[in-house]
Amino acid sequence: MQAKGTVFRYGDNVDTDVIIPARYLNTSNHKELASHCMEDIDQNFIKQVKEGDIMVADKNFGCGSSREHAPIAIKESGISCVIARTFARIFYRNSINIGLPILECPEACDGIKAGDVVSVDFTTGKITNETTGAVYQSEPFPEFMQNLIEAGGLAGYIAKGGK
């Protein structure tokens, strides 16, 4: 599994109410949720994001409520991976459950800037800043998590018989 895209960069404590504001939680339509992703802190995000782009943040990304809407909105917007120093525990779990790849790598967060092009190899955990040439190492996903993400999340994984 691999990803490559342009980086959208955010700071500390990006909470689920910023990722998808509560005023939009009356829909279960994933495209509708994605159309409002990050709008309270980055009005241009949804206008500029392209399929495969990557989100990088600092510590405690996804703090706040336990709703799955936040990782769904990010994934549906086209983001292929989120890299952060740390993630809120429930956001981490929800992301894996819906098939959104997320990696913790403080060193990458130190060296990656908004607009950089980054590639990620989920099998090895290698993160490459294609803009600067810097290479960072995160923990690779175990095989069962790679299978879960490739299946589009837990529901797809179960539908495929857990393979």
Protein backbone atom coordinates (compact mmCIF):
# COMPACT_ATOMS: atom_id res chain seq x y z
CA MET A 1 0.00 0.00 0.00
CA GLN A 2 1.26 3.42 -0.92
CA ALA A 3 0.09 7.01 -1.02
CA LYS A 4 1.47 10.17 -2.60
CA GLY A 5 0.10 13.67 -2.52
CA THR A 6 0.40 17.32 -1.64
CA VAL A 7 0.39 18.20 2.06
CA PHE A 8 -2.20 20.17 3.98
CA ARG A 9 -0.55 21.17 7.28
CA TYR A 10 -2.22 21.79 10.65
CA GLY A 11 -1.08 22.37 14.24
CA ASP A 12 -1.86 20.94 17.67
CA ASN A 13 -5.24 19.85 19.04
CA VAL A 14 -7.27 19.81 15.84
CA ASP A 15 -10.53 18.54 17.29
CA THR A 16 -13.39 16.68 15.65
CA ASP A 17 -15.59 19.81 15.74
CA VAL A 18 -13.03 21.56 13.54
CA ILE A 19 -12.63 18.56 11.23
CA ILE A 20 -16.41 18.39 10.69
CA PRO A 21 -18.45 21.04 12.52
CA ALA A 22 -21.36 19.71 14.57
CA ARG A 23 -23.86 21.77 12.54
CA TYR A 24 -23.39 19.28 9.67
CA LEU A 25 -23.87 16.09 11.65
CA ASN A 26 -27.52 15.77 10.66
CA THR A 27 -26.50 13.93 7.50
CA SER A 28 -25.04 10.49 6.97
CA ASN A 29 -24.10 11.33 3.38
CA HIS A 30 -20.32 11.00 3.20
CA LYS A 31 -19.92 13.41 0.26
CA GLU A 32 -21.94 16.05 2.12
CA LEU A 33 -19.75 15.62 5.21
CA ALA A 34 -16.60 15.91 3.08
CA SER A 35 -17.86 19.15 1.52
CA HIS A 36 -17.56 20.80 4.95
CA CYS A 37 -14.31 19.16 6.09
CA MET A 38 -11.93 21.59 7.83
CA GLU A 39 -14.01 24.63 6.81
CA ASP A 40 -13.80 26.34 10.21
CA ILE A 41 -9.98 26.48 10.16
CA ASP A 42 -9.18 26.27 6.44
CA GLN A 43 -11.78 27.74 4.07
CA ASN A 44 -9.69 26.70 1.06
CA PHE A 45 -9.17 23.06 2.04
CA ILE A 46 -12.20 21.58 0.28
CA LYS A 47 -11.62 23.80 -2.79
CA GLN A 48 -7.98 22.71 -3.11
CA VAL A 49 -7.81 19.09 -1.89
CA LYS A 50 -7.25 16.46 -4.56
CA GLU A 51 -7.61 12.71 -4.43
CA GLY A 52 -4.50 11.25 -2.79
CA ASP A 53 -3.41 14.37 -0.90
CA ILE A 54 -1.97 14.00 2.60
CA MET A 55 -2.77 15.76 5.87
CA VAL A 56 0.00 16.43 8.40
CA ALA A 57 -0.61 17.75 11.91
CA ASP A 58 1.09 18.09 15.23
CA LYS A 59 -0.03 16.52 18.53
CA ASN A 60 -3.44 15.29 19.65
CA PHE A 61 -5.06 15.28 16.21
CA GLY A 62 -8.73 14.27 16.33
CA CYS A 63 -9.34 15.13 19.97
CA GLY A 64 -12.88 15.87 21.09
CA SER A 65 -15.91 13.71 20.50
CA SER A 66 -15.92 10.07 19.55
CA ARG A 67 -17.90 10.50 16.33
CA GLU A 68 -16.81 8.62 13.22
CA HIS A 69 -17.91 11.56 11.08
CA ALA A 70 -14.46 13.21 11.39
CA PRO A 71 -12.34 10.48 9.77
CA ILE A 72 -15.14 9.80 7.26
CA ALA A 73 -15.11 13.47 6.17
CA ILE A 74 -11.31 13.42 5.82
CA LYS A 75 -11.26 10.18 3.84
CA GLU A 76 -14.17 11.17 1.61
CA SER A 77 -12.53 14.54 0.86
CA GLY A 78 -9.75 12.62 -0.92
CA ILE A 79 -7.07 12.58 1.77
CA SER A 80 -5.10 9.32 1.44
CA CYS A 81 -3.27 9.48 4.77
CA VAL A 82 -2.96 11.56 7.94
CA ILE A 83 0.43 11.88 9.60
CA ALA A 84 0.66 13.42 13.07
CA ARG A 85 2.86 13.50 16.15
CA THR A 86 0.03 11.90 18.11
CA PHE A 87 -3.65 11.11 17.62
CA ALA A 88 -6.50 11.10 20.07
CA ARG A 89 -7.14 7.46 20.93
CA ILE A 90 -10.75 7.24 19.72
CA PHE A 91 -9.94 9.10 16.48
CA TYR A 92 -7.14 6.62 15.83
CA ARG A 93 -9.50 3.68 16.29
CA ASN A 94 -12.29 5.23 14.23
CA SER A 95 -9.85 5.97 11.40
CA ILE A 96 -8.68 2.38 11.19
CA ASN A 97 -12.28 1.15 11.43
CA ILE A 98 -13.32 3.20 8.37
CA GLY A 99 -10.11 2.52 6.43
CA LEU A 100 -8.31 5.86 6.74
CA PRO A 101 -4.54 5.26 7.05
CA ILE A 102 -2.93 7.28 9.85
CA LEU A 103 0.69 7.31 10.99
CA GLU A 104 2.43 8.77 14.02
CA CYS A 105 5.85 10.19 13.18
CA PRO A 106 7.11 13.26 15.09
CA GLU A 107 10.22 13.58 12.92
CA ALA A 108 8.13 13.78 9.74
CA CYS A 109 5.93 16.43 11.36
CA ASP A 110 9.06 18.48 12.09
CA GLY A 111 10.24 18.37 8.47
CA ILE A 112 7.10 18.47 6.35
CA LYS A 113 5.55 21.79 5.35
CA ALA A 114 2.27 22.75 3.69
CA GLY A 115 2.51 22.24 -0.07
CA ASP A 116 5.28 19.63 0.08
CA VAL A 117 4.72 16.47 -1.93
CA VAL A 118 4.99 13.39 0.28
CA SER A 119 4.91 9.67 -0.45
CA VAL A 120 4.16 6.97 2.10
CA ASP A 121 4.85 3.24 1.96
CA PHE A 122 2.52 1.66 4.51
CA THR A 123 4.24 -1.72 4.29
CA THR A 124 7.61 -0.36 5.41
CA GLY A 125 6.46 2.77 7.26
CA LYS A 126 8.77 4.92 5.10
CA ILE A 127 7.65 8.52 4.61
CA THR A 128 9.49 10.46 1.90
CA ASN A 129 9.26 14.20 1.45
CA GLU A 130 9.61 14.29 -2.33
CA THR A 131 10.05 18.08 -2.20
CA THR A 132 13.12 18.05 0.07
CA GLY A 133 14.34 14.47 -0.29
CA ALA A 134 14.10 13.84 3.46
CA VAL A 135 13.10 10.34 4.54
CA TYR A 136 11.38 9.48 7.83
CA GLN A 137 10.53 6.18 9.46
CA SER A 138 7.24 5.42 11.17
CA GLU A 139 5.91 2.12 12.44
CA PRO A 140 4.59 0.13 9.47
CA PHE A 141 1.05 -1.20 9.61
CA PRO A 142 0.80 -4.88 10.57
CA GLU A 143 -0.48 -7.04 7.71
CA PHE A 144 -3.98 -7.43 9.19
CA MET A 145 -4.34 -3.61 9.42
CA GLN A 146 -3.15 -3.22 5.83
CA ASN A 147 -5.80 -5.74 4.78
CA LEU A 148 -8.45 -3.88 6.78
CA ILE A 149 -7.52 -0.53 5.21
CA GLU A 150 -7.33 -2.00 1.70
CA ALA A 151 -10.84 -3.41 2.21
CA GLY A 152 -12.08 0.13 2.93
CA GLY A 153 -12.47 -0.42 6.66
CA LEU A 154 -13.91 -2.91 9.09
CA ALA A 155 -17.22 -3.42 7.24
CA GLY A 156 -15.43 -4.20 3.96
CA TYR A 157 -12.96 -6.44 5.74
CA ILE A 158 -15.77 -8.48 7.32
CA ALA A 159 -17.64 -8.64 4.02
CA LYS A 160 -14.52 -10.13 2.43
CA GLY A 161 -14.39 -12.81 5.11
CA GLY A 162 -11.63 -11.16 7.11
CA LYS A 163 -9.02 -11.41 4.37
